[in-house]
Amino acid sequence: MKEEITGLIVTGGPIDLVFAQKFIMERTFDRIIAVDRGVNAVSKLNLIPDAIVGDLDSADESVLKEFKSRTLDTTWEIHKPEKDETDTELAITTAIRLGCTKIILLGATGGRLDHFLGNLHLLYASLKQGVEAAIVDERNWITVTEKERVFESDKIFGKYISFLPLSEEVKGITLTGFKYPLHKKDITIGTSLCISNELTGAAGKMEFDSGILICVESHD
């Protein structure tokens, strides 16, 4: 069985540091990667990055000097601002190269919507490489899946569970144990049918025949 290695990627988007501190304290991360302005948050969270990635054009110079002055086994991957990939995509590539089988991204929802939408697509790119990735903030846990999933009430991130098609069509969705059940329902891009569902008991099961689904666990 493949060893599970969990990576934390702290991106350059806005981060609720109070939430992030609690979130990190409750979990174990094997690799920590700071992305561009994300080095500022990593410093404030008292984390030691395994890698610092990006063009670093928006990182605080004082923080960069701080990390450079320490005797750390940190890999620096500095890229030119003019590049095909976003800094976050480069960081995911680094995380996979470091052996990560799971990735959590913080700071990937707030700020610019074009970056958020790009990050959402990077979840699918990670999935295609066999790596489970999630975008997390204080209200949302976002993943992408091509297969069925069971949601347990004592483990989900929030009260609400929403499903949106990432592929043009998702066929045969069946929801069991949900407030709004479905049976073999096809959905296409452009629908809000599966927004804000809830579990009715200890667990609920989501199944579908084909397609790619965005899953969002959230709370108010």
N, C-alpha and C. Protein backbone atom coordinates (compact mmCIF):
# COMPACT_ATOMS: atom_id res chain seq x y z
N MET A 1 0.85 -1.20 0.00
CA MET A 1 0.00 0.00 0.00
C MET A 1 0.88 1.24 0.00
N LYS A 2 0.52 2.22 -0.83
CA LYS A 2 1.31 3.43 -0.97
C LYS A 2 1.24 4.27 0.30
N GLU A 3 2.39 4.75 0.75
CA GLU A 3 2.44 5.59 1.95
C GLU A 3 1.71 6.91 1.69
N GLU A 4 0.90 7.31 2.69
CA GLU A 4 0.17 8.56 2.55
C GLU A 4 1.04 9.72 3.04
N ILE A 5 1.28 10.67 2.16
CA ILE A 5 2.07 11.85 2.49
C ILE A 5 1.21 13.07 2.18
N THR A 6 0.93 13.87 3.20
CA THR A 6 0.04 15.01 3.05
C THR A 6 0.83 16.30 2.97
N GLY A 7 0.54 17.07 1.95
CA GLY A 7 1.21 18.35 1.75
C GLY A 7 0.28 19.52 1.99
N LEU A 8 0.81 20.58 2.60
CA LEU A 8 0.08 21.82 2.79
C LEU A 8 0.69 22.88 1.87
N ILE A 9 -0.12 23.43 0.99
CA ILE A 9 0.32 24.51 0.12
C ILE A 9 -0.36 25.79 0.57
N VAL A 10 0.43 26.77 0.96
CA VAL A 10 -0.09 28.07 1.39
C VAL A 10 0.12 29.04 0.23
N THR A 11 -0.96 29.41 -0.43
CA THR A 11 -0.86 30.24 -1.63
C THR A 11 -0.87 31.72 -1.26
N GLY A 12 -0.86 32.57 -2.28
CA GLY A 12 -0.75 34.00 -2.05
C GLY A 12 -2.05 34.73 -1.84
N GLY A 13 -3.18 34.02 -1.81
CA GLY A 13 -4.47 34.68 -1.61
C GLY A 13 -4.72 35.02 -0.15
N PRO A 14 -5.78 35.78 0.13
CA PRO A 14 -6.11 36.14 1.51
C PRO A 14 -6.35 34.91 2.38
N ILE A 15 -5.84 34.95 3.60
CA ILE A 15 -5.97 33.84 4.54
C ILE A 15 -6.42 34.37 5.89
N ASP A 16 -7.42 33.71 6.47
CA ASP A 16 -7.83 34.00 7.83
C ASP A 16 -6.84 33.28 8.75
N LEU A 17 -5.92 34.02 9.34
CA LEU A 17 -4.83 33.41 10.11
C LEU A 17 -5.33 32.71 11.37
N VAL A 18 -6.40 33.20 11.98
CA VAL A 18 -6.95 32.54 13.17
C VAL A 18 -7.47 31.16 12.79
N PHE A 19 -8.24 31.11 11.70
CA PHE A 19 -8.72 29.80 11.21
C PHE A 19 -7.55 28.91 10.82
N ALA A 20 -6.59 29.45 10.07
CA ALA A 20 -5.47 28.65 9.58
C ALA A 20 -4.67 28.05 10.72
N GLN A 21 -4.44 28.82 11.78
CA GLN A 21 -3.68 28.32 12.92
C GLN A 21 -4.37 27.13 13.55
N LYS A 22 -5.68 27.24 13.78
CA LYS A 22 -6.45 26.15 14.38
C LYS A 22 -6.48 24.95 13.45
N PHE A 23 -6.70 25.19 12.18
CA PHE A 23 -6.76 24.12 11.19
C PHE A 23 -5.47 23.33 11.15
N ILE A 24 -4.35 24.02 11.16
CA ILE A 24 -3.04 23.36 11.09
C ILE A 24 -2.74 22.59 12.38
N MET A 25 -3.11 23.16 13.52
CA MET A 25 -2.83 22.50 14.81
C MET A 25 -3.59 21.19 14.95
N GLU A 26 -4.73 21.08 14.28
CA GLU A 26 -5.56 19.88 14.38
C GLU A 26 -5.16 18.79 13.40
N ARG A 27 -4.15 19.06 12.56
CA ARG A 27 -3.76 18.10 11.53
C ARG A 27 -2.25 17.96 11.45
N THR A 28 -1.81 16.91 10.78
CA THR A 28 -0.38 16.67 10.56
C THR A 28 -0.07 16.81 9.08
N PHE A 29 0.93 17.61 8.77
CA PHE A 29 1.36 17.79 7.38
C PHE A 29 2.81 17.35 7.25
N ASP A 30 3.06 16.54 6.23
CA ASP A 30 4.41 16.01 6.01
C ASP A 30 5.27 16.95 5.19
N ARG A 31 4.65 17.76 4.35
CA ARG A 31 5.37 18.72 3.51
C ARG A 31 4.64 20.06 3.56
N ILE A 32 5.38 21.15 3.63
CA ILE A 32 4.80 22.48 3.63
C ILE A 32 5.44 23.30 2.52
N ILE A 33 4.60 23.88 1.68
CA ILE A 33 5.09 24.65 0.53
C ILE A 33 4.47 26.04 0.57
N ALA A 34 5.29 27.05 0.53
CA ALA A 34 4.84 28.44 0.50
C ALA A 34 4.90 28.95 -0.93
N VAL A 35 3.83 29.63 -1.34
CA VAL A 35 3.72 30.11 -2.72
C VAL A 35 3.70 31.64 -2.72
N ASP A 36 4.72 32.24 -3.29
CA ASP A 36 4.77 33.69 -3.47
C ASP A 36 4.40 34.42 -2.17
N ARG A 37 3.34 35.24 -2.17
CA ARG A 37 2.94 35.98 -0.98
C ARG A 37 2.60 35.05 0.18
N GLY A 38 2.36 33.78 -0.11
CA GLY A 38 2.08 32.81 0.94
C GLY A 38 3.20 32.67 1.96
N VAL A 39 4.42 33.08 1.59
CA VAL A 39 5.52 33.02 2.56
C VAL A 39 5.23 33.93 3.75
N ASN A 40 4.50 35.02 3.52
CA ASN A 40 4.15 35.92 4.62
C ASN A 40 3.29 35.21 5.65
N ALA A 41 2.27 34.48 5.16
CA ALA A 41 1.39 33.73 6.06
C ALA A 41 2.14 32.59 6.74
N VAL A 42 3.00 31.92 6.00
CA VAL A 42 3.79 30.82 6.58
C VAL A 42 4.64 31.33 7.74
N SER A 43 5.23 32.49 7.57
CA SER A 43 6.03 33.10 8.64
C SER A 43 5.17 33.41 9.86
N LYS A 44 4.00 34.02 9.64
CA LYS A 44 3.11 34.38 10.75
C LYS A 44 2.56 33.15 11.46
N LEU A 45 2.44 32.04 10.73
CA LEU A 45 1.95 30.80 11.31
C LEU A 45 3.06 29.97 11.96
N ASN A 46 4.27 30.51 11.93
CA ASN A 46 5.45 29.84 12.53
C ASN A 46 5.70 28.46 11.92
N LEU A 47 5.55 28.38 10.61
CA LEU A 47 5.81 27.14 9.89
C LEU A 47 7.17 27.21 9.20
N ILE A 48 7.79 26.06 9.03
CA ILE A 48 9.04 25.97 8.29
C ILE A 48 8.75 25.31 6.95
N PRO A 49 8.88 26.03 5.85
CA PRO A 49 8.54 25.45 4.55
C PRO A 49 9.60 24.49 4.03
N ASP A 50 9.15 23.42 3.42
CA ASP A 50 10.06 22.51 2.72
C ASP A 50 10.45 23.09 1.37
N ALA A 51 9.56 23.93 0.82
CA ALA A 51 9.85 24.57 -0.46
C ALA A 51 9.17 25.93 -0.51
N ILE A 52 9.83 26.87 -1.15
CA ILE A 52 9.27 28.18 -1.45
C ILE A 52 9.25 28.32 -2.96
N VAL A 53 8.04 28.56 -3.50
CA VAL A 53 7.84 28.48 -4.95
C VAL A 53 7.20 29.76 -5.47
N GLY A 54 7.61 30.18 -6.67
CA GLY A 54 6.94 31.29 -7.33
C GLY A 54 7.89 32.36 -7.80
N ASP A 55 7.32 33.42 -8.36
CA ASP A 55 8.16 34.53 -8.80
C ASP A 55 8.49 35.47 -7.64
N LEU A 56 7.77 35.31 -6.51
CA LEU A 56 8.03 36.05 -5.27
C LEU A 56 7.92 37.56 -5.46
N ASP A 57 7.16 37.99 -6.46
CA ASP A 57 7.04 39.43 -6.71
C ASP A 57 6.14 40.13 -5.70
N SER A 58 5.34 39.37 -4.95
CA SER A 58 4.47 40.00 -3.96
C SER A 58 4.78 39.55 -2.53
N ALA A 59 5.89 38.86 -2.35
CA ALA A 59 6.31 38.44 -1.01
C ALA A 59 7.06 39.58 -0.32
N ASP A 60 6.90 39.69 0.99
CA ASP A 60 7.62 40.71 1.74
C ASP A 60 9.11 40.40 1.76
N GLU A 61 9.91 41.39 1.41
CA GLU A 61 11.35 41.19 1.36
C GLU A 61 11.91 40.81 2.73
N SER A 62 11.33 41.36 3.79
CA SER A 62 11.81 41.04 5.14
C SER A 62 11.59 39.57 5.48
N VAL A 63 10.47 39.01 4.99
CA VAL A 63 10.18 37.60 5.25
C VAL A 63 11.13 36.71 4.45
N LEU A 64 11.39 37.10 3.20
CA LEU A 64 12.34 36.33 2.39
C LEU A 64 13.73 36.33 3.04
N LYS A 65 14.14 37.48 3.55
CA LYS A 65 15.44 37.57 4.24
C LYS A 65 15.45 36.70 5.48
N GLU A 66 14.32 36.68 6.17
CA GLU A 66 14.21 35.85 7.39
C GLU A 66 14.47 34.38 7.07
N PHE A 67 13.81 33.88 6.02
CA PHE A 67 13.98 32.47 5.68
C PHE A 67 15.37 32.20 5.11
N LYS A 68 15.90 33.15 4.36
CA LYS A 68 17.24 32.96 3.80
C LYS A 68 18.31 32.95 4.87
N SER A 69 18.07 33.67 5.97
CA SER A 69 19.07 33.77 7.03
C SER A 69 19.12 32.54 7.92
N ARG A 70 18.05 31.77 7.91
CA ARG A 70 18.01 30.58 8.75
C ARG A 70 18.79 29.44 8.08
N THR A 71 19.25 28.53 8.92
CA THR A 71 19.87 27.31 8.39
C THR A 71 18.76 26.29 8.20
N LEU A 72 18.14 26.36 7.05
CA LEU A 72 16.98 25.51 6.77
C LEU A 72 17.23 24.64 5.54
N ASP A 73 16.64 23.48 5.56
CA ASP A 73 16.71 22.60 4.40
C ASP A 73 15.50 22.89 3.51
N THR A 74 15.41 24.15 3.08
CA THR A 74 14.29 24.61 2.27
C THR A 74 14.73 24.74 0.82
N THR A 75 13.92 24.19 -0.08
CA THR A 75 14.19 24.32 -1.51
C THR A 75 13.56 25.62 -2.02
N TRP A 76 14.36 26.41 -2.74
CA TRP A 76 13.87 27.64 -3.34
C TRP A 76 13.68 27.41 -4.84
N GLU A 77 12.46 27.60 -5.31
CA GLU A 77 12.16 27.45 -6.73
C GLU A 77 11.61 28.78 -7.24
N ILE A 78 12.51 29.64 -7.67
CA ILE A 78 12.13 30.98 -8.09
C ILE A 78 11.96 31.01 -9.61
N HIS A 79 10.81 31.51 -10.04
CA HIS A 79 10.47 31.55 -11.46
C HIS A 79 10.28 32.99 -11.93
N LYS A 80 10.44 33.21 -13.21
CA LYS A 80 10.19 34.52 -13.78
C LYS A 80 8.69 34.81 -13.77
N PRO A 81 8.29 36.08 -13.61
CA PRO A 81 6.86 36.41 -13.65
C PRO A 81 6.19 36.01 -14.97
N GLU A 82 6.93 36.09 -16.08
CA GLU A 82 6.38 35.72 -17.38
C GLU A 82 6.53 34.21 -17.57
N LYS A 83 5.45 33.48 -17.32
CA LYS A 83 5.50 32.01 -17.41
C LYS A 83 4.11 31.49 -17.77
N ASP A 84 4.05 30.25 -18.22
CA ASP A 84 2.78 29.67 -18.64
C ASP A 84 1.93 29.23 -17.44
N GLU A 85 2.56 28.75 -16.39
CA GLU A 85 1.84 28.22 -15.23
C GLU A 85 1.69 29.29 -14.15
N THR A 86 0.62 29.16 -13.36
CA THR A 86 0.51 30.00 -12.17
C THR A 86 1.47 29.47 -11.11
N ASP A 87 1.76 30.31 -10.12
CA ASP A 87 2.62 29.87 -9.03
C ASP A 87 2.01 28.67 -8.29
N THR A 88 0.69 28.65 -8.18
CA THR A 88 0.04 27.54 -7.48
C THR A 88 0.19 26.23 -8.25
N GLU A 89 0.09 26.29 -9.57
CA GLU A 89 0.30 25.08 -10.36
C GLU A 89 1.73 24.57 -10.19
N LEU A 90 2.69 25.48 -10.18
CA LEU A 90 4.08 25.09 -9.97
C LEU A 90 4.26 24.47 -8.58
N ALA A 91 3.54 25.00 -7.59
CA ALA A 91 3.64 24.47 -6.23
C ALA A 91 3.06 23.06 -6.14
N ILE A 92 1.95 22.82 -6.86
CA ILE A 92 1.37 21.47 -6.87
C ILE A 92 2.34 20.49 -7.52
N THR A 93 2.98 20.91 -8.60
CA THR A 93 3.99 20.06 -9.24
C THR A 93 5.11 19.73 -8.27
N THR A 94 5.53 20.73 -7.49
CA THR A 94 6.57 20.52 -6.49
C THR A 94 6.09 19.55 -5.41
N ALA A 95 4.86 19.72 -4.94
CA ALA A 95 4.33 18.84 -3.91
C ALA A 95 4.28 17.39 -4.37
N ILE A 96 3.87 17.18 -5.60
CA ILE A 96 3.83 15.82 -6.14
C ILE A 96 5.24 15.26 -6.28
N ARG A 97 6.18 16.09 -6.71
CA ARG A 97 7.56 15.65 -6.81
C ARG A 97 8.13 15.27 -5.43
N LEU A 98 7.66 15.94 -4.39
CA LEU A 98 8.10 15.64 -3.02
C LEU A 98 7.38 14.43 -2.44
N GLY A 99 6.53 13.80 -3.25
CA GLY A 99 5.90 12.56 -2.83
C GLY A 99 4.52 12.68 -2.24
N CYS A 100 3.92 13.86 -2.28
CA CYS A 100 2.61 14.05 -1.66
C CYS A 100 1.54 13.23 -2.38
N THR A 101 0.73 12.53 -1.59
CA THR A 101 -0.41 11.80 -2.13
C THR A 101 -1.71 12.51 -1.84
N LYS A 102 -1.66 13.47 -0.91
CA LYS A 102 -2.79 14.35 -0.61
C LYS A 102 -2.27 15.77 -0.49
N ILE A 103 -3.08 16.74 -0.92
CA ILE A 103 -2.68 18.14 -0.87
C ILE A 103 -3.84 18.99 -0.37
N ILE A 104 -3.55 19.87 0.59
CA ILE A 104 -4.50 20.87 1.05
C ILE A 104 -3.97 22.24 0.63
N LEU A 105 -4.84 23.05 0.01
CA LEU A 105 -4.46 24.40 -0.38
C LEU A 105 -5.19 25.42 0.49
N LEU A 106 -4.43 26.27 1.16
CA LEU A 106 -4.97 27.39 1.90
C LEU A 106 -4.68 28.68 1.14
N GLY A 107 -5.59 29.65 1.23
CA GLY A 107 -5.39 30.91 0.53
C GLY A 107 -5.72 30.85 -0.94
N ALA A 108 -6.50 29.85 -1.34
CA ALA A 108 -6.78 29.64 -2.77
C ALA A 108 -8.19 30.05 -3.17
N THR A 109 -8.97 30.64 -2.25
CA THR A 109 -10.35 31.01 -2.60
C THR A 109 -10.56 32.52 -2.66
N GLY A 110 -9.95 33.27 -1.76
CA GLY A 110 -10.19 34.71 -1.70
C GLY A 110 -9.41 35.46 -2.76
N GLY A 111 -9.69 36.76 -2.86
CA GLY A 111 -8.95 37.57 -3.81
C GLY A 111 -9.49 37.46 -5.22
N ARG A 112 -8.60 37.30 -6.19
CA ARG A 112 -8.97 37.30 -7.60
C ARG A 112 -9.74 36.04 -7.99
N LEU A 113 -10.89 36.23 -8.63
CA LEU A 113 -11.73 35.10 -9.02
C LEU A 113 -11.10 34.29 -10.14
N ASP A 114 -10.30 34.93 -11.02
CA ASP A 114 -9.66 34.14 -12.08
C ASP A 114 -8.69 33.13 -11.47
N HIS A 115 -7.98 33.54 -10.41
CA HIS A 115 -7.07 32.61 -9.75
C HIS A 115 -7.85 31.49 -9.04
N PHE A 116 -8.97 31.84 -8.40
CA PHE A 116 -9.76 30.81 -7.74
C PHE A 116 -10.26 29.77 -8.75
N LEU A 117 -10.81 30.24 -9.88
CA LEU A 117 -11.31 29.31 -10.89
C LEU A 117 -10.18 28.46 -11.45
N GLY A 118 -9.02 29.07 -11.64
CA GLY A 118 -7.86 28.30 -12.08
C GLY A 118 -7.47 27.25 -11.05
N ASN A 119 -7.50 27.62 -9.78
CA ASN A 119 -7.17 26.67 -8.71
C ASN A 119 -8.16 25.52 -8.66
N LEU A 120 -9.43 25.81 -8.94
CA LEU A 120 -10.45 24.77 -8.98
C LEU A 120 -10.11 23.74 -10.04
N HIS A 121 -9.66 24.19 -11.20
CA HIS A 121 -9.27 23.27 -12.26
C HIS A 121 -8.00 22.50 -11.91
N LEU A 122 -7.16 23.09 -11.08
CA LEU A 122 -5.95 22.39 -10.65
C LEU A 122 -6.28 21.20 -9.75
N LEU A 123 -7.43 21.24 -9.08
CA LEU A 123 -7.86 20.07 -8.30
C LEU A 123 -8.06 18.87 -9.22
N TYR A 124 -8.65 19.13 -10.38
CA TYR A 124 -8.85 18.04 -11.34
C TYR A 124 -7.52 17.57 -11.92
N ALA A 125 -6.62 18.51 -12.20
CA ALA A 125 -5.30 18.13 -12.71
C ALA A 125 -4.58 17.25 -11.71
N SER A 126 -4.73 17.54 -10.43
CA SER A 126 -4.12 16.71 -9.38
C SER A 126 -4.74 15.33 -9.35
N LEU A 127 -6.08 15.30 -9.45
CA LEU A 127 -6.80 14.03 -9.44
C LEU A 127 -6.33 13.12 -10.56
N LYS A 128 -6.08 13.69 -11.74
CA LYS A 128 -5.64 12.88 -12.88
C LYS A 128 -4.26 12.30 -12.65
N GLN A 129 -3.51 12.88 -11.71
CA GLN A 129 -2.19 12.34 -11.37
C GLN A 129 -2.24 11.43 -10.14
N GLY A 130 -3.46 11.10 -9.71
CA GLY A 130 -3.62 10.19 -8.59
C GLY A 130 -3.45 10.84 -7.23
N VAL A 131 -3.55 12.16 -7.18
CA VAL A 131 -3.36 12.90 -5.94
C VAL A 131 -4.68 13.57 -5.55
N GLU A 132 -5.11 13.31 -4.33
CA GLU A 132 -6.34 13.92 -3.81
C GLU A 132 -6.01 15.32 -3.30
N ALA A 133 -6.65 16.34 -3.86
CA ALA A 133 -6.37 17.72 -3.46
C ALA A 133 -7.65 18.41 -3.04
N ALA A 134 -7.53 19.36 -2.11
CA ALA A 134 -8.67 20.10 -1.61
C ALA A 134 -8.29 21.56 -1.42
N ILE A 135 -9.23 22.45 -1.74
CA ILE A 135 -9.10 23.87 -1.44
C ILE A 135 -9.93 24.13 -0.19
N VAL A 136 -9.31 24.73 0.83
CA VAL A 136 -9.97 24.92 2.12
C VAL A 136 -9.86 26.36 2.57
N ASP A 137 -10.96 26.91 3.07
CA ASP A 137 -10.91 28.17 3.80
C ASP A 137 -11.81 28.04 5.01
N GLU A 138 -12.07 29.14 5.69
CA GLU A 138 -12.82 29.07 6.95
C GLU A 138 -14.25 28.60 6.79
N ARG A 139 -14.78 28.61 5.57
CA ARG A 139 -16.17 28.19 5.36
C ARG A 139 -16.35 27.03 4.38
N ASN A 140 -15.33 26.66 3.66
CA ASN A 140 -15.50 25.70 2.56
C ASN A 140 -14.39 24.67 2.49
N TRP A 141 -14.77 23.47 2.07
CA TRP A 141 -13.84 22.40 1.75
C TRP A 141 -14.23 21.91 0.35
N ILE A 142 -13.39 22.18 -0.63
CA ILE A 142 -13.74 21.94 -2.03
C ILE A 142 -12.86 20.86 -2.62
N THR A 143 -13.48 19.86 -3.23
CA THR A 143 -12.76 18.78 -3.89
C THR A 143 -13.40 18.50 -5.25
N VAL A 144 -12.73 17.67 -6.03
CA VAL A 144 -13.23 17.21 -7.32
C VAL A 144 -13.15 15.70 -7.34
N THR A 145 -14.18 15.05 -7.87
CA THR A 145 -14.18 13.59 -7.85
C THR A 145 -14.75 13.00 -9.14
N GLU A 146 -14.29 11.80 -9.44
CA GLU A 146 -14.83 11.03 -10.57
C GLU A 146 -15.50 9.74 -10.09
N LYS A 147 -15.67 9.61 -8.77
CA LYS A 147 -16.25 8.37 -8.25
C LYS A 147 -17.15 8.66 -7.05
N GLU A 148 -17.85 7.65 -6.62
CA GLU A 148 -18.80 7.78 -5.51
C GLU A 148 -18.09 8.17 -4.21
N ARG A 149 -18.88 8.70 -3.28
CA ARG A 149 -18.31 9.12 -2.01
C ARG A 149 -19.35 9.02 -0.91
N VAL A 150 -18.89 8.65 0.27
CA VAL A 150 -19.75 8.61 1.45
C VAL A 150 -19.39 9.80 2.34
N PHE A 151 -20.40 10.53 2.80
CA PHE A 151 -20.22 11.69 3.67
C PHE A 151 -20.76 11.35 5.06
N GLU A 152 -19.92 11.44 6.07
CA GLU A 152 -20.33 11.15 7.44
C GLU A 152 -20.56 12.45 8.19
N SER A 153 -21.67 12.51 8.92
CA SER A 153 -22.08 13.76 9.57
C SER A 153 -21.07 14.27 10.58
N ASP A 154 -20.32 13.38 11.21
CA ASP A 154 -19.35 13.81 12.22
C ASP A 154 -17.98 14.14 11.62
N LYS A 155 -17.87 14.03 10.29
CA LYS A 155 -16.58 14.29 9.65
C LYS A 155 -16.66 15.37 8.57
N ILE A 156 -17.84 15.70 8.12
CA ILE A 156 -17.94 16.71 7.06
C ILE A 156 -17.56 18.09 7.61
N PHE A 157 -17.15 18.96 6.71
CA PHE A 157 -16.61 20.26 7.09
C PHE A 157 -17.69 21.25 7.51
N GLY A 158 -18.90 21.07 7.00
CA GLY A 158 -19.98 21.98 7.33
C GLY A 158 -21.34 21.34 7.12
N LYS A 159 -22.37 22.08 7.41
CA LYS A 159 -23.74 21.57 7.33
C LYS A 159 -24.17 21.27 5.90
N TYR A 160 -23.69 22.06 4.96
CA TYR A 160 -24.17 21.97 3.59
C TYR A 160 -23.19 21.20 2.69
N ILE A 161 -23.76 20.44 1.76
CA ILE A 161 -22.97 19.73 0.77
C ILE A 161 -23.57 20.02 -0.60
N SER A 162 -22.74 20.55 -1.49
CA SER A 162 -23.20 20.91 -2.83
C SER A 162 -22.40 20.16 -3.88
N PHE A 163 -23.05 19.87 -4.99
CA PHE A 163 -22.41 19.19 -6.11
C PHE A 163 -22.64 19.99 -7.39
N LEU A 164 -21.56 20.22 -8.13
CA LEU A 164 -21.64 20.95 -9.39
C LEU A 164 -20.86 20.19 -10.46
N PRO A 165 -21.38 20.14 -11.68
CA PRO A 165 -20.64 19.45 -12.74
C PRO A 165 -19.41 20.24 -13.18
N LEU A 166 -18.28 19.58 -13.24
CA LEU A 166 -17.09 20.18 -13.84
C LEU A 166 -16.99 19.77 -15.31
N SER A 167 -17.44 18.56 -15.60
CA SER A 167 -17.56 18.12 -16.99
C SER A 167 -18.86 18.67 -17.57
N GLU A 168 -19.00 18.63 -18.88
CA GLU A 168 -20.21 19.16 -19.52
C GLU A 168 -21.46 18.48 -18.99
N GLU A 169 -21.36 17.19 -18.69
CA GLU A 169 -22.51 16.44 -18.19
C GLU A 169 -22.04 15.44 -17.15
N VAL A 170 -22.84 15.26 -16.11
CA VAL A 170 -22.63 14.20 -15.12
C VAL A 170 -23.89 13.34 -15.14
N LYS A 171 -23.70 12.06 -15.38
CA LYS A 171 -24.85 11.17 -15.61
C LYS A 171 -25.13 10.30 -14.39
N GLY A 172 -26.42 10.13 -14.14
CA GLY A 172 -26.89 9.14 -13.18
C GLY A 172 -26.56 9.43 -11.73
N ILE A 173 -26.68 10.68 -11.29
CA ILE A 173 -26.40 10.98 -9.89
C ILE A 173 -27.50 10.40 -9.00
N THR A 174 -27.08 9.67 -7.98
CA THR A 174 -27.99 9.15 -6.96
C THR A 174 -27.50 9.63 -5.60
N LEU A 175 -28.38 10.28 -4.86
CA LEU A 175 -28.07 10.76 -3.52
C LEU A 175 -28.96 10.03 -2.52
N THR A 176 -28.33 9.31 -1.59
CA THR A 176 -29.05 8.54 -0.58
C THR A 176 -28.65 9.06 0.80
N GLY A 177 -29.62 9.28 1.66
CA GLY A 177 -29.33 9.80 2.99
C GLY A 177 -29.22 11.31 3.03
N PHE A 178 -29.73 11.96 1.98
CA PHE A 178 -29.72 13.41 1.89
C PHE A 178 -31.13 13.97 2.03
N LYS A 179 -31.22 15.22 2.46
CA LYS A 179 -32.51 15.89 2.61
C LYS A 179 -33.25 15.97 1.28
N TYR A 180 -32.47 16.18 0.20
CA TYR A 180 -33.04 16.22 -1.14
C TYR A 180 -32.43 15.07 -1.94
N PRO A 181 -33.06 13.90 -1.91
CA PRO A 181 -32.49 12.73 -2.59
C PRO A 181 -32.65 12.82 -4.10
N LEU A 182 -31.80 12.10 -4.80
CA LEU A 182 -31.91 11.98 -6.25
C LEU A 182 -31.74 10.51 -6.63
N HIS A 183 -32.29 10.16 -7.78
CA HIS A 183 -32.10 8.80 -8.30
C HIS A 183 -31.82 8.87 -9.79
N LYS A 184 -30.60 8.52 -10.16
CA LYS A 184 -30.19 8.44 -11.57
C LYS A 184 -30.52 9.72 -12.35
N LYS A 185 -30.19 10.85 -11.77
CA LYS A 185 -30.47 12.14 -12.39
C LYS A 185 -29.25 12.62 -13.17
N ASP A 186 -29.46 13.03 -14.42
CA ASP A 186 -28.38 13.62 -15.23
C ASP A 186 -28.39 15.14 -15.03
N ILE A 187 -27.20 15.73 -14.83
CA ILE A 187 -27.12 17.18 -14.74
C ILE A 187 -26.05 17.68 -15.70
N THR A 188 -26.22 18.90 -16.16
CA THR A 188 -25.27 19.50 -17.09
C THR A 188 -24.80 20.84 -16.54
N ILE A 189 -23.73 21.37 -17.12
CA ILE A 189 -23.26 22.69 -16.74
C ILE A 189 -24.38 23.71 -16.98
N GLY A 190 -24.61 24.55 -15.99
CA GLY A 190 -25.67 25.55 -16.10
C GLY A 190 -26.83 25.30 -15.15
N THR A 191 -26.72 24.27 -14.29
CA THR A 191 -27.79 23.99 -13.34
C THR A 191 -27.33 24.27 -11.91
N SER A 192 -28.29 24.60 -11.05
CA SER A 192 -27.99 24.77 -9.62
C SER A 192 -28.77 23.74 -8.80
N LEU A 193 -29.17 22.65 -9.45
CA LEU A 193 -30.01 21.64 -8.81
C LEU A 193 -29.43 21.09 -7.53
N CYS A 194 -28.12 20.85 -7.49
CA CYS A 194 -27.52 20.13 -6.37
C CYS A 194 -26.79 21.05 -5.38
N ILE A 195 -27.26 22.29 -5.28
CA ILE A 195 -26.67 23.24 -4.33
C ILE A 195 -27.35 23.12 -2.97
N SER A 196 -26.55 23.19 -1.91
CA SER A 196 -27.03 23.28 -0.52
C SER A 196 -27.92 22.11 -0.10
N ASN A 197 -27.41 20.91 -0.27
CA ASN A 197 -28.09 19.74 0.26
C ASN A 197 -27.59 19.50 1.69
N GLU A 198 -28.25 18.60 2.40
CA GLU A 198 -27.87 18.30 3.78
C GLU A 198 -28.07 16.82 4.05
N LEU A 199 -27.30 16.29 4.99
CA LEU A 199 -27.49 14.91 5.42
C LEU A 199 -28.70 14.82 6.35
N THR A 200 -29.37 13.68 6.32
CA THR A 200 -30.52 13.47 7.22
C THR A 200 -30.19 12.54 8.38
N GLY A 201 -29.02 11.90 8.31
CA GLY A 201 -28.64 10.98 9.37
C GLY A 201 -27.14 10.95 9.55
N ALA A 202 -26.63 9.81 9.96
CA ALA A 202 -25.21 9.67 10.26
C ALA A 202 -24.34 9.74 9.02
N ALA A 203 -24.90 9.36 7.87
CA ALA A 203 -24.10 9.34 6.64
C ALA A 203 -25.00 9.45 5.42
N GLY A 204 -24.42 9.92 4.35
CA GLY A 204 -25.11 9.98 3.07
C GLY A 204 -24.17 9.52 1.97
N LYS A 205 -24.72 8.93 0.93
CA LYS A 205 -23.90 8.41 -0.16
C LYS A 205 -24.24 9.12 -1.46
N MET A 206 -23.19 9.51 -2.18
CA MET A 206 -23.33 10.12 -3.50
C MET A 206 -22.71 9.17 -4.53
N GLU A 207 -23.48 8.81 -5.54
CA GLU A 207 -23.01 7.93 -6.60
C GLU A 207 -23.36 8.56 -7.95
N PHE A 208 -22.56 8.26 -8.97
CA PHE A 208 -22.92 8.67 -10.33
C PHE A 208 -22.24 7.77 -11.33
N ASP A 209 -22.77 7.75 -12.55
CA ASP A 209 -22.30 6.81 -13.56
C ASP A 209 -21.08 7.32 -14.32
N SER A 210 -21.06 8.61 -14.66
CA SER A 210 -19.93 9.15 -15.41
C SER A 210 -19.90 10.67 -15.26
N GLY A 211 -18.71 11.24 -15.50
CA GLY A 211 -18.53 12.68 -15.42
C GLY A 211 -17.58 13.07 -14.31
N ILE A 212 -17.50 14.36 -14.06
CA ILE A 212 -16.61 14.91 -13.04
C ILE A 212 -17.40 15.88 -12.20
N LEU A 213 -17.38 15.70 -10.89
CA LEU A 213 -18.16 16.52 -9.97
C LEU A 213 -17.27 17.36 -9.07
N ILE A 214 -17.68 18.61 -8.87
CA ILE A 214 -17.11 19.44 -7.81
C ILE A 214 -17.95 19.22 -6.56
N CYS A 215 -17.31 18.93 -5.44
CA CYS A 215 -18.01 18.75 -4.17
C CYS A 215 -17.59 19.86 -3.21
N VAL A 216 -18.57 20.54 -2.65
CA VAL A 216 -18.30 21.63 -1.72
C VAL A 216 -19.00 21.35 -0.39
N GLU A 217 -18.22 21.15 0.66
CA GLU A 217 -18.75 21.05 2.02
C GLU A 217 -18.58 22.43 2.64
N SER A 218 -19.68 23.01 3.17
CA SER A 218 -19.57 24.40 3.63
C SER A 218 -20.52 24.68 4.79
N HIS A 219 -20.28 25.82 5.43
CA HIS A 219 -21.17 26.31 6.49
C HIS A 219 -21.26 27.83 6.37
N ASP A 220 -22.28 28.38 6.99
CA ASP A 220 -22.51 29.83 6.94
C ASP A 220 -21.43 30.57 7.73
